[in-house]
PDB file of N, CA and C in Angstrom:
ATOM      1  N   UNK A   1       0.990  -1.027   0.050  1.00  0.00           N
ATOM      2  CA  UNK A   1      -0.004   0.036   0.047  1.00  0.00           C
ATOM      3  C   UNK A   1       1.022   1.220  -0.029  1.00  0.00           C
ATOM      4  N   UNK A   2       0.687   2.311  -1.063  1.00  0.00           N
ATOM      5  CA  UNK A   2       1.248   3.492  -0.863  1.00  0.00           C
ATOM      6  C   UNK A   2       0.550   4.480  -0.095  1.00  0.00           C
ATOM      7  N   UNK A   3       1.282   5.488   0.339  1.00  0.00           N
ATOM      8  CA  UNK A   3       0.631   6.712   1.105  1.00  0.00           C
ATOM      9  C   UNK A   3       1.252   7.822   0.564  1.00  0.00           C
ATOM     10  N   UNK A   4       0.569   8.874   0.461  1.00  0.00           N
ATOM     11  CA  UNK A   4       1.162  10.161   0.032  1.00  0.00           C
ATOM     12  C   UNK A   4       0.926  11.319   1.130  1.00  0.00           C
ATOM     13  N   UNK A   5       1.770  12.319   1.043  1.00  0.00           N
ATOM     14  CA  UNK A   5       1.550  13.334   2.293  1.00  0.00           C
ATOM     15  C   UNK A   5       0.385  14.441   1.232  1.00  0.00           C
ATOM     16  N   UNK A   6      -0.073  15.334   2.130  1.00  0.00           N
ATOM     17  CA  UNK A   6      -1.060  16.157   1.442  1.00  0.00           C
ATOM     18  C   UNK A   6      -0.212  17.250   0.579  1.00  0.00           C
ATOM     19  N   UNK A   7       1.195  17.508   0.807  1.00  0.00           N
ATOM     20  CA  UNK A   7       1.997  18.506   0.251  1.00  0.00           C
ATOM     21  C   UNK A   7       2.473  17.733  -1.098  1.00  0.00           C
ATOM     22  N   UNK A   8       2.821  16.485  -1.122  1.00  0.00           N
ATOM     23  CA  UNK A   8       3.246  15.729  -2.153  1.00  0.00           C
ATOM     24  C   UNK A   8       1.887  15.506  -3.045  1.00  0.00           C
ATOM     25  N   UNK A   9       0.856  15.294  -2.542  1.00  0.00           N
ATOM     26  CA  UNK A   9      -0.285  15.033  -3.345  1.00  0.00           C
ATOM     27  C   UNK A   9      -0.796  16.601  -4.184  1.00  0.00           C
ATOM     28  N   UNK A  10      -0.568  17.455  -3.552  1.00  0.00           N
ATOM     29  CA  UNK A  10      -0.795  18.699  -4.095  1.00  0.00           C
ATOM     30  C   UNK A  10       0.009  18.949  -5.231  1.00  0.00           C
ATOM     31  N   UNK A  11       1.519  18.840  -5.169  1.00  0.00           N
ATOM     32  CA  UNK A  11       2.428  18.979  -6.242  1.00  0.00           C
ATOM     33  C   UNK A  11       1.895  17.975  -7.544  1.00  0.00           C
ATOM     34  N   UNK A  12       1.741  16.773  -7.016  1.00  0.00           N
ATOM     35  CA  UNK A  12       1.180  15.839  -8.061  1.00  0.00           C
ATOM     36  C   UNK A  12      -0.135  16.408  -8.817  1.00  0.00           C
ATOM     37  N   UNK A  13      -1.030  16.876  -7.996  1.00  0.00           N
ATOM     38  CA  UNK A  13      -2.356  17.597  -8.540  1.00  0.00           C
ATOM     39  C   UNK A  13      -1.929  18.793  -9.480  1.00  0.00           C
ATOM     40  N   UNK A  14      -1.168  19.323  -9.039  1.00  0.00           N
ATOM     41  CA  UNK A  14      -0.781  20.750  -9.928  1.00  0.00           C
ATOM     42  C   UNK A  14      -0.114  20.266 -11.192  1.00  0.00           C
ATOM     43  N   UNK A  15       0.437  19.037 -11.293  1.00  0.00           N
ATOM     44  CA  UNK A  15       1.347  18.498 -12.650  1.00  0.00           C
ATOM     45  C   UNK A  15       0.222  17.440 -13.069  1.00  0.00           C
ATOM     46  N   UNK A  16      -1.076  17.719 -12.698  1.00  0.00           N
ATOM     47  CA  UNK A  16      -2.070  16.674 -13.325  1.00  0.00           C
ATOM     48  C   UNK A  16      -1.485  15.185 -13.572  1.00  0.00           C
ATOM     49  N   UNK A  17      -0.953  14.712 -12.446  1.00  0.00           N
ATOM     50  CA  UNK A  17      -0.274  13.562 -12.541  1.00  0.00           C
ATOM     51  C   UNK A  17      -1.339  12.490 -11.755  1.00  0.00           C
ATOM     52  N   UNK A  18      -2.166  12.984 -10.728  1.00  0.00           N
ATOM     53  CA  UNK A  18      -2.832  12.097  -9.920  1.00  0.00           C
ATOM     54  C   UNK A  18      -4.658  12.681 -10.260  1.00  0.00           C
ATOM     55  N   UNK A  19      -5.490  11.848  -9.706  1.00  0.00           N
ATOM     56  CA  UNK A  19      -6.821  12.252  -9.352  1.00  0.00           C
ATOM     57  C   UNK A  19      -7.150  11.819  -8.043  1.00  0.00           C
ATOM     58  N   UNK A  20      -7.893  12.604  -7.367  1.00  0.00           N
ATOM     59  CA  UNK A  20      -8.369  12.472  -5.881  1.00  0.00           C
ATOM     60  C   UNK A  20      -9.571  12.148  -5.792  1.00  0.00           C
ATOM     61  N   UNK A  21      -9.839  11.030  -5.018  1.00  0.00           N
ATOM     62  CA  UNK A  21     -11.309  10.344  -4.885  1.00  0.00           C
ATOM     63  C   UNK A  21     -11.610  10.521  -3.285  1.00  0.00           C
ATOM     64  N   UNK A  22     -12.642  11.255  -3.003  1.00  0.00           N
ATOM     65  CA  UNK A  22     -13.009  11.570  -1.700  1.00  0.00           C
ATOM     66  C   UNK A  22     -13.935  10.330  -1.355  1.00  0.00           C
ATOM     67  N   UNK A  23     -13.846   9.439  -0.319  1.00  0.00           N
ATOM     68  CA  UNK A  23     -14.887   8.231  -0.231  1.00  0.00           C
ATOM     69  C   UNK A  23     -15.724   8.650   0.883  1.00  0.00           C
ATOM     70  N   UNK A  24     -15.829   9.830   1.604  1.00  0.00           N
ATOM     71  CA  UNK A  24     -16.479  10.027   2.512  1.00  0.00           C
ATOM     72  C   UNK A  24     -18.131  10.124   2.092  1.00  0.00           C
ATOM     73  N   UNK A  25     -18.868   9.872   3.116  1.00  0.00           N
ATOM     74  CA  UNK A  25     -20.239   9.935   2.801  1.00  0.00           C
ATOM     75  C   UNK A  25     -20.780  11.249   2.324  1.00  0.00           C
ATOM     76  N   UNK A  26     -21.936  11.325   1.542  1.00  0.00           N
ATOM     77  CA  UNK A  26     -22.338  12.458   0.889  1.00  0.00           C
ATOM     78  C   UNK A  26     -22.634  13.521   1.975  1.00  0.00           C
ATOM     79  N   UNK A  27     -23.110  13.080   3.184  1.00  0.00           N
ATOM     80  CA  UNK A  27     -23.260  14.264   4.169  1.00  0.00           C
ATOM     81  C   UNK A  27     -21.998  14.990   4.611  1.00  0.00           C
ATOM     82  N   UNK A  28     -20.947  14.233   4.813  1.00  0.00           N
ATOM     83  CA  UNK A  28     -19.641  14.412   5.151  1.00  0.00           C
ATOM     84  C   UNK A  28     -19.022  15.620   3.991  1.00  0.00           C
ATOM     85  N   UNK A  29     -19.273  15.300   2.730  1.00  0.00           N
ATOM     86  CA  UNK A  29     -18.607  15.695   1.641  1.00  0.00           C
ATOM     87  C   UNK A  29     -19.212  17.105   1.424  1.00  0.00           C
ATOM     88  N   UNK A  30     -20.708  17.319   1.694  1.00  0.00           N
ATOM     89  CA  UNK A  30     -21.334  18.353   1.475  1.00  0.00           C
ATOM     90  C   UNK A  30     -20.926  19.471   2.710  1.00  0.00           C
ATOM     91  N   UNK A  31     -20.530  18.847   3.518  1.00  0.00           N
ATOM     92  CA  UNK A  31     -20.506  19.838   4.950  1.00  0.00           C
ATOM     93  C   UNK A  31     -19.035  20.333   4.750  1.00  0.00           C
ATOM     94  N   UNK A  32     -18.121  19.611   3.842  1.00  0.00           N
ATOM     95  CA  UNK A  32     -16.495  20.185   3.819  1.00  0.00           C
ATOM     96  C   UNK A  32     -16.087  19.315   2.750  1.00  0.00           C
ATOM     97  N   UNK A  33     -15.795  19.949   1.678  1.00  0.00           N
ATOM     98  CA  UNK A  33     -14.980  19.335   0.779  1.00  0.00           C
ATOM     99  C   UNK A  33     -13.937  20.163  -0.135  1.00  0.00           C
ATOM    100  N   UNK A  34     -12.948  19.737  -0.739  1.00  0.00           N
ATOM    101  CA  UNK A  34     -11.932  20.384  -1.337  1.00  0.00           C
ATOM    102  C   UNK A  34     -12.142  20.278  -2.863  1.00  0.00           C
ATOM    103  N   UNK A  35     -13.336  19.988  -3.255  1.00  0.00           N
ATOM    104  CA  UNK A  35     -13.791  19.846  -4.835  1.00  0.00           C
ATOM    105  C   UNK A  35     -13.276  18.630  -5.527  1.00  0.00           C
ATOM    106  N   UNK A  36     -12.834  17.654  -4.757  1.00  0.00           N
ATOM    107  CA  UNK A  36     -12.458  16.342  -5.554  1.00  0.00           C
ATOM    108  C   UNK A  36     -13.691  15.673  -5.762  1.00  0.00           C
ATOM    109  N   UNK A  37     -13.677  14.396  -6.722  1.00  0.00           N
ATOM    110  CA  UNK A  37     -14.859  13.848  -6.804  1.00  0.00           C
ATOM    111  C   UNK A  37     -15.065  12.729  -5.839  1.00  0.00           C
ATOM    112  N   UNK A  38     -16.458  12.827  -5.478  1.00  0.00           N
ATOM    113  CA  UNK A  38     -16.972  12.186  -4.340  1.00  0.00           C
ATOM    114  C   UNK A  38     -17.489  10.637  -4.787  1.00  0.00           C
ATOM    115  N   UNK A  39     -17.063   9.554  -4.289  1.00  0.00           N
ATOM    116  CA  UNK A  39     -17.612   8.316  -4.508  1.00  0.00           C
ATOM    117  C   UNK A  39     -17.481   7.566  -3.114  1.00  0.00           C
ATOM    118  N   UNK A  40     -18.588   7.486  -2.614  1.00  0.00           N
ATOM    119  CA  UNK A  40     -18.778   7.104  -1.021  1.00  0.00           C
ATOM    120  C   UNK A  40     -18.037   5.737  -1.139  1.00  0.00           C
ATOM    121  N   UNK A  41     -17.472   5.337   0.069  1.00  0.00           N
ATOM    122  CA  UNK A  41     -16.670   4.011   0.251  1.00  0.00           C
ATOM    123  C   UNK A  41     -17.604   2.846  -0.240  1.00  0.00           C
ATOM    124  N   UNK A  42     -19.015   3.004   0.277  1.00  0.00           N
ATOM    125  CA  UNK A  42     -19.917   1.802  -0.108  1.00  0.00           C
ATOM    126  C   UNK A  42     -20.218   1.581  -1.549  1.00  0.00           C
ATOM    127  N   UNK A  43     -19.889   2.696  -2.204  1.00  0.00           N
ATOM    128  CA  UNK A  43     -20.244   2.751  -3.746  1.00  0.00           C
ATOM    129  C   UNK A  43     -18.878   2.540  -4.480  1.00  0.00           C
ATOM    130  N   UNK A  44     -17.812   2.471  -4.027  1.00  0.00           N
ATOM    131  CA  UNK A  44     -16.734   2.475  -4.802  1.00  0.00           C
ATOM    132  C   UNK A  44     -16.501   1.117  -5.584  1.00  0.00           C
ATOM    133  N   UNK A  45     -16.800   0.016  -4.984  1.00  0.00           N
ATOM    134  CA  UNK A  45     -16.756  -1.181  -5.686  1.00  0.00           C
ATOM    135  C   UNK A  45     -17.624  -1.312  -6.902  1.00  0.00           C
ATOM    136  N   UNK A  46     -18.682  -0.490  -6.883  1.00  0.00           N
ATOM    137  CA  UNK A  46     -19.615  -0.481  -7.918  1.00  0.00           C
ATOM    138  C   UNK A  46     -19.210   0.513  -9.194  1.00  0.00           C
ATOM    139  N   UNK A  47     -17.968   1.212  -8.804  1.00  0.00           N
ATOM    140  CA  UNK A  47     -17.551   2.278  -9.762  1.00  0.00           C
ATOM    141  C   UNK A  47     -15.970   1.862 -10.036  1.00  0.00           C
ATOM    142  N   UNK A  48     -15.606   0.800  -9.881  1.00  0.00           N
ATOM    143  CA  UNK A  48     -14.132   0.162 -10.213  1.00  0.00           C
ATOM    144  C   UNK A  48     -13.788   0.923 -11.498  1.00  0.00           C
ATOM    145  N   UNK A  49     -14.659   0.755 -12.472  1.00  0.00           N
ATOM    146  CA  UNK A  49     -14.039   1.257 -13.769  1.00  0.00           C
ATOM    147  C   UNK A  49     -13.695   2.550 -13.816  1.00  0.00           C
ATOM    148  N   UNK A  50     -14.025   3.498 -12.863  1.00  0.00           N
ATOM    149  CA  UNK A  50     -13.611   4.897 -12.669  1.00  0.00           C
ATOM    150  C   UNK A  50     -12.139   4.873 -12.396  1.00  0.00           C
ATOM    151  N   UNK A  51     -11.514   3.977 -11.559  1.00  0.00           N
ATOM    152  CA  UNK A  51     -10.299   3.542 -10.976  1.00  0.00           C
ATOM    153  C   UNK A  51      -9.247   3.185 -12.006  1.00  0.00           C
ATOM    154  N   UNK A  52      -9.776   2.523 -13.027  1.00  0.00           N
ATOM    155  CA  UNK A  52      -8.863   1.912 -14.126  1.00  0.00           C
ATOM    156  C   UNK A  52      -8.330   3.101 -14.968  1.00  0.00           C
ATOM    157  N   UNK A  53      -7.169   3.541 -14.594  1.00  0.00           N
ATOM    158  CA  UNK A  53      -6.504   4.422 -15.835  1.00  0.00           C
ATOM    159  C   UNK A  53      -5.068   4.467 -15.589  1.00  0.00           C
ATOM    160  N   UNK A  54      -4.091   5.293 -16.270  1.00  0.00           N
ATOM    161  CA  UNK A  54      -2.864   5.020 -16.095  1.00  0.00           C
ATOM    162  C   UNK A  54      -2.426   6.105 -15.090  1.00  0.00           C
ATOM    163  N   UNK A  55      -3.367   7.021 -14.658  1.00  0.00           N
ATOM    164  CA  UNK A  55      -3.207   7.948 -13.638  1.00  0.00           C
ATOM    165  C   UNK A  55      -3.497   7.301 -12.350  1.00  0.00           C
ATOM    166  N   UNK A  56      -2.646   7.628 -11.312  1.00  0.00           N
ATOM    167  CA  UNK A  56      -2.700   7.311  -9.883  1.00  0.00           C
ATOM    168  C   UNK A  56      -4.049   8.015  -9.368  1.00  0.00           C
ATOM    169  N   UNK A  57      -4.855   7.359  -8.465  1.00  0.00           N
ATOM    170  CA  UNK A  57      -5.866   7.760  -7.779  1.00  0.00           C
ATOM    171  C   UNK A  57      -5.378   7.854  -6.219  1.00  0.00           C
ATOM    172  N   UNK A  58      -5.623   9.018  -5.761  1.00  0.00           N
ATOM    173  CA  UNK A  58      -5.463   9.334  -4.366  1.00  0.00           C
ATOM    174  C   UNK A  58      -6.676   8.996  -3.673  1.00  0.00           C
ATOM    175  N   UNK A  59      -6.799   8.078  -2.784  1.00  0.00           N
ATOM    176  CA  UNK A  59      -8.080   7.959  -2.032  1.00  0.00           C
ATOM    177  C   UNK A  59      -8.007   8.655  -0.624  1.00  0.00           C
ATOM    178  N   UNK A  60      -8.956   9.419  -0.526  1.00  0.00           N
ATOM    179  CA  UNK A  60      -9.041  10.208   0.835  1.00  0.00           C
ATOM    180  C   UNK A  60     -10.427  10.098   1.645  1.00  0.00           C
ATOM    181  N   UNK A  61     -10.366  10.144   2.944  1.00  0.00           N
ATOM    182  CA  UNK A  61     -11.504   9.982   3.884  1.00  0.00           C
ATOM    183  C   UNK A  61     -11.402  11.300   4.569  1.00  0.00           C
ATOM    184  N   UNK A  62     -11.931  11.094   5.930  1.00  0.00           N
ATOM    185  CA  UNK A  62     -11.573  12.139   6.976  1.00  0.00           C
ATOM    186  C   UNK A  62     -10.102  12.069   7.741  1.00  0.00           C
ATOM    187  N   UNK A  63      -9.866  10.891   7.877  1.00  0.00           N
ATOM    188  CA  UNK A  63      -8.664  10.979   8.797  1.00  0.00           C
ATOM    189  C   UNK A  63      -7.676   9.851   8.036  1.00  0.00           C
ATOM    190  N   UNK A  64      -7.970   9.049   6.879  1.00  0.00           N
ATOM    191  CA  UNK A  64      -7.206   8.290   6.115  1.00  0.00           C
ATOM    192  C   UNK A  64      -7.380   6.689   6.569  1.00  0.00           C
ATOM    193  N   UNK A  65      -8.042   6.245   7.800  1.00  0.00           N
ATOM    194  CA  UNK A  65      -8.523   4.930   8.115  1.00  0.00           C
ATOM    195  C   UNK A  65      -9.287   4.240   7.069  1.00  0.00           C
ATOM    196  N   UNK A  66     -10.432   4.935   6.642  1.00  0.00           N
ATOM    197  CA  UNK A  66     -11.391   4.130   5.832  1.00  0.00           C
ATOM    198  C   UNK A  66     -10.743   4.153   4.379  1.00  0.00           C
ATOM    199  N   UNK A  67      -9.729   5.131   3.939  1.00  0.00           N
ATOM    200  CA  UNK A  67      -8.948   4.954   2.780  1.00  0.00           C
ATOM    201  C   UNK A  67      -8.031   3.945   2.653  1.00  0.00           C
ATOM    202  N   UNK A  68      -7.436   3.614   3.835  1.00  0.00           N
ATOM    203  CA  UNK A  68      -6.522   2.523   3.947  1.00  0.00           C
ATOM    204  C   UNK A  68      -7.137   1.100   3.752  1.00  0.00           C
ATOM    205  N   UNK A  69      -8.475   1.190   4.447  1.00  0.00           N
ATOM    206  CA  UNK A  69      -9.188  -0.191   4.258  1.00  0.00           C
ATOM    207  C   UNK A  69      -9.712  -0.368   2.928  1.00  0.00           C
ATOM    208  N   UNK A  70     -10.270   0.624   2.237  1.00  0.00           N
ATOM    209  CA  UNK A  70     -10.669   0.395   1.035  1.00  0.00           C
ATOM    210  C   UNK A  70      -9.631   0.157  -0.101  1.00  0.00           C
ATOM    211  N   UNK A  71      -8.562   0.694   0.088  1.00  0.00           N
ATOM    212  CA  UNK A  71      -7.280   0.403  -0.823  1.00  0.00           C
ATOM    213  C   UNK A  71      -6.927  -1.052  -0.528  1.00  0.00           C
ATOM    214  N   UNK A  72      -6.779  -1.408   0.539  1.00  0.00           N
ATOM    215  CA  UNK A  72      -6.327  -2.647   0.939  1.00  0.00           C
ATOM    216  C   UNK A  72      -7.340  -3.787   0.124  1.00  0.00           C
ATOM    217  N   UNK A  73      -8.463  -3.409   0.275  1.00  0.00           N
ATOM    218  CA  UNK A  73      -9.547  -4.390  -0.282  1.00  0.00           C
ATOM    219  C   UNK A  73      -9.367  -4.332  -1.870  1.00  0.00           C
ATOM    220  N   UNK A  74      -9.396  -3.160  -2.306  1.00  0.00           N
ATOM    221  CA  UNK A  74      -9.302  -3.024  -3.881  1.00  0.00           C
ATOM    222  C   UNK A  74      -7.890  -3.593  -4.489  1.00  0.00           C
ATOM    223  N   UNK A  75      -6.857  -3.462  -3.689  1.00  0.00           N
ATOM    224  CA  UNK A  75      -5.484  -4.043  -4.161  1.00  0.00           C
ATOM    225  C   UNK A  75      -5.469  -5.467  -4.135  1.00  0.00           C
ATOM    226  N   UNK A  76      -6.343  -6.060  -3.116  1.00  0.00           N
ATOM    227  CA  UNK A  76      -6.187  -7.605  -2.676  1.00  0.00           C
ATOM    228  C   UNK A  76      -7.115  -8.127  -3.601  1.00  0.00           C
ATOM    229  N   UNK A  77      -8.434  -7.541  -3.699  1.00  0.00           N
ATOM    230  CA  UNK A  77      -9.646  -8.374  -4.088  1.00  0.00           C
ATOM    231  C   UNK A  77      -9.557  -8.290  -5.720  1.00  0.00           C
ATOM    232  N   UNK A  78      -9.405  -6.905  -6.045  1.00  0.00           N
ATOM    233  CA  UNK A  78      -9.335  -6.625  -7.384  1.00  0.00           C
ATOM    234  C   UNK A  78      -8.208  -6.295  -8.141  1.00  0.00           C
ATOM    235  N   UNK A  79      -7.221  -6.272  -7.462  1.00  0.00           N
ATOM    236  CA  UNK A  79      -5.718  -6.411  -8.231  1.00  0.00           C
ATOM    237  C   UNK A  79      -5.577  -4.907  -8.781  1.00  0.00           C
ATOM    238  N   UNK A  80      -6.189  -3.926  -8.249  1.00  0.00           N
ATOM    239  CA  UNK A  80      -5.888  -2.542  -8.538  1.00  0.00           C
ATOM    240  C   UNK A  80      -4.671  -2.066  -7.990  1.00  0.00           C
ATOM    241  N   UNK A  81      -3.737  -1.281  -8.912  1.00  0.00           N
ATOM    242  CA  UNK A  81      -2.493  -1.105  -8.492  1.00  0.00           C
ATOM    243  C   UNK A  81      -2.172   0.492  -8.424  1.00  0.00           C
ATOM    244  N   UNK A  82      -3.010   1.180  -9.161  1.00  0.00           N
ATOM    245  CA  UNK A  82      -2.812   2.639  -9.025  1.00  0.00           C
ATOM    246  C   UNK A  82      -3.288   3.453  -7.962  1.00  0.00           C
ATOM    247  N   UNK A  83      -3.503   3.039  -6.663  1.00  0.00           N
ATOM    248  CA  UNK A  83      -4.082   3.684  -5.690  1.00  0.00           C
ATOM    249  C   UNK A  83      -3.128   3.913  -4.559  1.00  0.00           C
ATOM    250  N   UNK A  84      -3.359   5.237  -3.960  1.00  0.00           N
ATOM    251  CA  UNK A  84      -2.489   5.862  -2.934  1.00  0.00           C
ATOM    252  C   UNK A  84      -3.510   6.301  -2.080  1.00  0.00           C
ATOM    253  N   UNK A  85      -3.060   6.171  -0.839  1.00  0.00           N
ATOM    254  CA  UNK A  85      -3.797   6.673   0.678  1.00  0.00           C
ATOM    255  C   UNK A  85      -3.199   8.210   0.978  1.00  0.00           C
ATOM    256  N   UNK A  86      -4.149   9.090   0.934  1.00  0.00           N
ATOM    257  CA  UNK A  86      -3.760  10.378   1.415  1.00  0.00           C
ATOM    258  C   UNK A  86      -3.579  10.402   2.896  1.00  0.00           C
ATOM    259  N   UNK A  87      -2.445  10.709   3.366  1.00  0.00           N
ATOM    260  CA  UNK A  87      -2.077  10.370   4.724  1.00  0.00           C
ATOM    261  C   UNK A  87      -2.947  11.689   5.544  1.00  0.00           C
ATOM    262  N   UNK A  88      -3.753  11.171   6.573  1.00  0.00           N
ATOM    263  CA  UNK A  88      -4.365  12.172   7.407  1.00  0.00           C
ATOM    264  C   UNK A  88      -5.801  12.734   6.785  1.00  0.00           C
ATOM    265  N   UNK A  89      -5.982  12.087   5.631  1.00  0.00           N
ATOM    266  CA  UNK A  89      -7.489  12.688   5.003  1.00  0.00           C
ATOM    267  C   UNK A  89      -7.478  14.244   4.859  1.00  0.00           C
ATOM    268  N   UNK A  90      -8.819  14.392   4.835  1.00  0.00           N
ATOM    269  CA  UNK A  90      -9.259  15.978   4.466  1.00  0.00           C
ATOM    270  C   UNK A  90      -8.811  16.734   5.779  1.00  0.00           C
ATOM    271  N   UNK A  91      -8.664  15.973   7.083  1.00  0.00           N
ATOM    272  CA  UNK A  91      -8.239  16.744   8.001  1.00  0.00           C
ATOM    273  C   UNK A  91      -6.656  17.493   7.896  1.00  0.00           C
ATOM    274  N   UNK A  92      -5.756  16.564   7.279  1.00  0.00           N
ATOM    275  CA  UNK A  92      -4.416  16.986   7.173  1.00  0.00           C
ATOM    276  C   UNK A  92      -4.518  17.893   5.964  1.00  0.00           C
ATOM    277  N   UNK A  93      -5.393  17.621   4.969  1.00  0.00           N
ATOM    278  CA  UNK A  93      -5.277  18.519   3.842  1.00  0.00           C
ATOM    279  C   UNK A  93      -5.772  19.906   4.338  1.00  0.00           C
ATOM    280  N   UNK A  94      -6.799  20.021   5.070  1.00  0.00           N
ATOM    281  CA  UNK A  94      -7.101  21.423   5.592  1.00  0.00           C
ATOM    282  C   UNK A  94      -6.054  22.116   6.529  1.00  0.00           C
ATOM    283  N   UNK A  95      -5.295  21.310   7.230  1.00  0.00           N
ATOM    284  CA  UNK A  95      -4.205  21.820   7.943  1.00  0.00           C
ATOM    285  C   UNK A  95      -2.836  22.223   7.263  1.00  0.00           C
ATOM    286  N   UNK A  96      -2.663  21.481   6.154  1.00  0.00           N
ATOM    287  CA  UNK A  96      -1.458  21.595   5.374  1.00  0.00           C
ATOM    288  C   UNK A  96      -1.642  22.427   3.983  1.00  0.00           C
ATOM    289  N   UNK A  97      -2.824  22.431   3.539  1.00  0.00           N
ATOM    290  CA  UNK A  97      -3.017  22.986   2.256  1.00  0.00           C
ATOM    291  C   UNK A  97      -4.030  24.023   2.138  1.00  0.00           C
ATOM    292  N   UNK A  98      -5.377  23.562   2.648  1.00  0.00           N
ATOM    293  CA  UNK A  98      -6.326  24.811   2.557  1.00  0.00           C
ATOM    294  C   UNK A  98      -6.882  25.000   3.871  1.00  0.00           C
ATOM    295  N   UNK A  99      -6.314  25.878   4.573  1.00  0.00           N
ATOM    296  CA  UNK A  99      -6.874  26.206   5.814  1.00  0.00           C
ATOM    297  C   UNK A  99      -8.365  27.020   5.907  1.00  0.00           C
ATOM    298  N   UNK A 100      -8.910  27.227   4.770  1.00  0.00           N
ATOM    299  CA  UNK A 100     -10.288  27.621   4.610  1.00  0.00           C
ATOM    300  C   UNK A 100     -11.190  26.618   4.654  1.00  0.00           C
ATOM    301  N   UNK A 101     -10.950  25.374   4.669  1.00  0.00           N
ATOM    302  CA  UNK A 101     -12.110  24.424   4.862  1.00  0.00           C
ATOM    303  C   UNK A 101     -12.497  24.296   6.286  1.00  0.00           C
ATOM    304  N   UNK A 102     -13.721  24.163   6.300  1.00  0.00           N
ATOM    305  CA  UNK A 102     -14.071  24.109   7.821  1.00  0.00           C
ATOM    306  C   UNK A 102     -14.587  22.718   8.106  1.00  0.00           C
ATOM    307  N   UNK A 103     -13.784  22.126   9.003  1.00  0.00           N
ATOM    308  CA  UNK A 103     -14.096  20.889   9.468  1.00  0.00           C
ATOM    309  C   UNK A 103     -14.877  20.602  10.680  1.00  0.00           C
ATOM    310  N   UNK A 104     -15.899  19.637  10.862  1.00  0.00           N
ATOM    311  CA  UNK A 104     -16.585  19.693  11.901  1.00  0.00           C
ATOM    312  C   UNK A 104     -16.219  19.269  13.197  1.00  0.00           C
TER     313      UNK A 104
END
């Protein structure tokens, strides 16, 4: 399993090298989001085709724990290899990259 810091993720986003998928529930996403694509964790396996590309996909949640769990599942069960967990989730993204985000 691969991990990426918010700072490294931002650099790779700026270079159009990664796509970020926020796997939080819709109510969490609506309350606070950084503008990334939202595919709730429970729906991610139904949308696996959106993860197949040459680009890496950074998977994020609130703290990183759900992202770790789903990445482990997708790597193990579906052999998807282009996934990266955002360390600290949106909480660390807000702390390090965008302090205008209002976390609950």
